C-alpha atoms as a PDB file:
ATOM      1  CA  UNK A   1      80.349   2.430   7.334  1.00  0.00           C
ATOM      2  CA  UNK A   2      76.815   4.408   6.439  1.00  0.00           C
ATOM      3  CA  UNK A   3      75.210   0.819   6.086  1.00  0.00           C
ATOM      4  CA  UNK A   4      76.220  -0.324   9.551  1.00  0.00           C
ATOM      5  CA  UNK A   5      75.059   3.040  11.014  1.00  0.00           C
ATOM      6  CA  UNK A   6      71.722   2.762   9.199  1.00  0.00           C
ATOM      7  CA  UNK A   7      71.250  -0.764  10.438  1.00  0.00           C
ATOM      8  CA  UNK A   8      72.212   0.000  14.095  1.00  0.00           C
ATOM      9  CA  UNK A   9      69.989   2.968  14.358  1.00  0.00           C
ATOM     10  CA  UNK A  10      66.997   0.895  12.824  1.00  0.00           C
ATOM     11  CA  UNK A  11      67.494  -1.878  15.267  1.00  0.00           C
ATOM     12  CA  UNK A  12      68.226   0.446  18.173  1.00  0.00           C
ATOM     13  CA  UNK A  13      65.296   2.279  17.645  1.00  0.00           C
ATOM     14  CA  UNK A  14      63.152  -0.775  17.495  1.00  0.00           C
ATOM     15  CA  UNK A  15      64.660  -2.098  20.909  1.00  0.00           C
ATOM     16  CA  UNK A  16      64.027   1.492  22.401  1.00  0.00           C
ATOM     17  CA  UNK A  17      60.315   1.321  21.381  1.00  0.00           C
ATOM     18  CA  UNK A  18      59.937  -2.131  22.849  1.00  0.00           C
ATOM     19  CA  UNK A  19      61.503  -1.165  26.095  1.00  0.00           C
ATOM     20  CA  UNK A  20      59.215   2.019  26.243  1.00  0.00           C
ATOM     21  CA  UNK A  21      55.971  -0.245  25.519  1.00  0.00           C
ATOM     22  CA  UNK A  22      57.107  -2.721  28.125  1.00  0.00           C
ATOM     23  CA  UNK A  23      57.107  -0.355  30.708  1.00  0.00           C
ATOM     24  CA  UNK A  24      53.721   1.382  29.399  1.00  0.00           C
ATOM     25  CA  UNK A  25      51.894  -2.051  29.297  1.00  0.00           C
ATOM     26  CA  UNK A  26      53.583  -3.610  32.520  1.00  0.00           C
ATOM     27  CA  UNK A  27      50.005  -4.303  33.998  1.00  0.00           C
ATOM     28  CA  UNK A  28      48.882  -6.467  30.989  1.00  0.00           C
ATOM     29  CA  UNK A  29      49.906 -10.058  30.753  1.00  0.00           C
ATOM     30  CA  UNK A  30      48.509 -10.307  27.120  1.00  0.00           C
ATOM     31  CA  UNK A  31      48.571  -7.729  24.254  1.00  0.00           C
ATOM     32  CA  UNK A  32      46.782  -8.133  20.885  1.00  0.00           C
ATOM     33  CA  UNK A  33      48.846  -9.934  18.327  1.00  0.00           C
ATOM     34  CA  UNK A  34      46.598 -10.008  15.213  1.00  0.00           C
ATOM     35  CA  UNK A  35      43.704  -7.963  14.248  1.00  0.00           C
ATOM     36  CA  UNK A  36      40.753  -8.312  11.821  1.00  0.00           C
ATOM     37  CA  UNK A  37      40.134  -5.685   9.003  1.00  0.00           C
ATOM     38  CA  UNK A  38      37.160  -4.347  11.115  1.00  0.00           C
ATOM     39  CA  UNK A  39      39.585  -3.629  14.157  1.00  0.00           C
ATOM     40  CA  UNK A  40      38.800  -6.333  16.423  1.00  0.00           C
ATOM     41  CA  UNK A  41      41.348  -8.516  18.071  1.00  0.00           C
ATOM     42  CA  UNK A  42      41.794 -12.174  16.547  1.00  0.00           C
ATOM     43  CA  UNK A  43      44.221 -13.404  19.183  1.00  0.00           C
ATOM     44  CA  UNK A  44      46.264 -12.230  22.039  1.00  0.00           C
ATOM     45  CA  UNK A  45      49.831 -13.164  22.922  1.00  0.00           C
ATOM     46  CA  UNK A  46      52.219 -12.648  26.040  1.00  0.00           C
ATOM     47  CA  UNK A  47      53.177  -9.322  26.596  1.00  0.00           C
ATOM     48  CA  UNK A  48      57.000 -10.290  25.934  1.00  0.00           C
ATOM     49  CA  UNK A  49      56.246 -11.995  22.554  1.00  0.00           C
ATOM     50  CA  UNK A  50      53.759  -9.315  21.411  1.00  0.00           C
ATOM     51  CA  UNK A  51      56.494  -6.404  22.105  1.00  0.00           C
ATOM     52  CA  UNK A  52      59.714  -8.308  20.943  1.00  0.00           C
ATOM     53  CA  UNK A  53      58.329 -10.042  17.843  1.00  0.00           C
ATOM     54  CA  UNK A  54      58.967  -6.932  15.426  1.00  0.00           C
ATOM     55  CA  UNK A  55      62.710  -6.167  16.587  1.00  0.00           C
ATOM     56  CA  UNK A  56      63.359 -10.010  16.531  1.00  0.00           C
ATOM     57  CA  UNK A  57      62.184 -10.188  12.918  1.00  0.00           C
ATOM     58  CA  UNK A  58      63.577  -6.842  11.823  1.00  0.00           C
ATOM     59  CA  UNK A  59      67.213  -8.525  13.349  1.00  0.00           C
ATOM     60  CA  UNK A  60      66.540 -11.670  11.049  1.00  0.00           C
ATOM     61  CA  UNK A  61      65.837  -9.494   8.095  1.00  0.00           C
ATOM     62  CA  UNK A  62      68.067  -6.345   8.652  1.00  0.00           C
ATOM     63  CA  UNK A  63      71.387  -8.243   9.458  1.00  0.00           C
ATOM     64  CA  UNK A  64      71.599 -10.488   6.439  1.00  0.00           C
ATOM     65  CA  UNK A  65      70.714  -7.240   4.432  1.00  0.00           C
ATOM     66  CA  UNK A  66      73.618  -5.553   5.866  1.00  0.00           C
ATOM     67  CA  UNK A  67      75.906  -8.250   5.188  1.00  0.00           C
ATOM     68  CA  UNK A  68      74.604  -8.195   1.637  1.00  0.00           C
ATOM     69  CA  UNK A  69      75.199  -4.448   1.316  1.00  0.00           C
ATOM     70  CA  UNK A  70      78.834  -4.716   2.723  1.00  0.00           C
ATOM     71  CA  UNK A  71      79.543  -7.459   0.363  1.00  0.00           C
ATOM     72  CA  UNK A  72      77.505  -5.785  -2.697  1.00  0.00           C
ATOM     73  CA  UNK A  73      77.119  -1.850  -2.030  1.00  0.00           C
ATOM     74  CA  UNK A  74      74.510  -1.373  -4.761  1.00  0.00           C
ATOM     75  CA  UNK A  75      71.961  -2.986  -2.481  1.00  0.00           C
ATOM     76  CA  UNK A  76      72.024  -0.263   0.069  1.00  0.00           C
ATOM     77  CA  UNK A  77      68.539   0.761  -1.172  1.00  0.00           C
ATOM     78  CA  UNK A  78      67.340  -2.528  -0.063  1.00  0.00           C
ATOM     79  CA  UNK A  79      68.650  -1.926   3.402  1.00  0.00           C
ATOM     80  CA  UNK A  80      66.940   1.411   3.477  1.00  0.00           C
ATOM     81  CA  UNK A  81      63.638  -0.109   2.361  1.00  0.00           C
ATOM     82  CA  UNK A  82      63.805  -3.186   5.112  1.00  0.00           C
ATOM     83  CA  UNK A  83      64.660  -0.681   7.722  1.00  0.00           C
ATOM     84  CA  UNK A  84      61.840   1.731   6.794  1.00  0.00           C
ATOM     85  CA  UNK A  85      59.415  -0.935   6.424  1.00  0.00           C
ATOM     86  CA  UNK A  86      60.086  -2.591  10.093  1.00  0.00           C
ATOM     87  CA  UNK A  87      60.204   0.652  11.546  1.00  0.00           C
ATOM     88  CA  UNK A  88      56.763   1.693   9.998  1.00  0.00           C
ATOM     89  CA  UNK A  89      55.416  -1.844  10.702  1.00  0.00           C
ATOM     90  CA  UNK A  90      56.224  -1.700  14.424  1.00  0.00           C
ATOM     91  CA  UNK A  91      54.929   1.860  14.636  1.00  0.00           C
ATOM     92  CA  UNK A  92      51.695   0.801  13.164  1.00  0.00           C
ATOM     93  CA  UNK A  93      51.452  -2.085  15.385  1.00  0.00           C
ATOM     94  CA  UNK A  94      51.991  -0.140  18.419  1.00  0.00           C
ATOM     95  CA  UNK A  95      49.378   2.184  17.194  1.00  0.00           C
ATOM     96  CA  UNK A  96      46.865  -0.546  16.981  1.00  0.00           C
ATOM     97  CA  UNK A  97      48.054  -1.597  20.576  1.00  0.00           C
ATOM     98  CA  UNK A  98      47.169   1.614  21.850  1.00  0.00           C
ATOM     99  CA  UNK A  99      43.579   1.795  20.010  1.00  0.00           C
ATOM    100  CA  UNK A 100      42.617  -1.589  21.668  1.00  0.00           C
ATOM    101  CA  UNK A 101      43.928  -1.832  25.164  1.00  0.00           C
END
């Protein structure tokens, strides 16, 4: 039951963050998608793709990890690492967006 809760909170938080960002950047048609090491934007993507890429990727990674954890409980640490990595990656991406837009 705890792995299901962890996965739900992870994906729910990522969707909530994207919904908030969708409202925050409603006036922008395109958002930065890739950054160079010096901080310049390498390419831009449509706003919907830029904001929903990370939650979609998280679903592709977290849901199979959840299935594995339910089958083999010893893999719960991997689920936690995947969830924290996805949330951290999305938070860093949104920080980079706010610094460039």
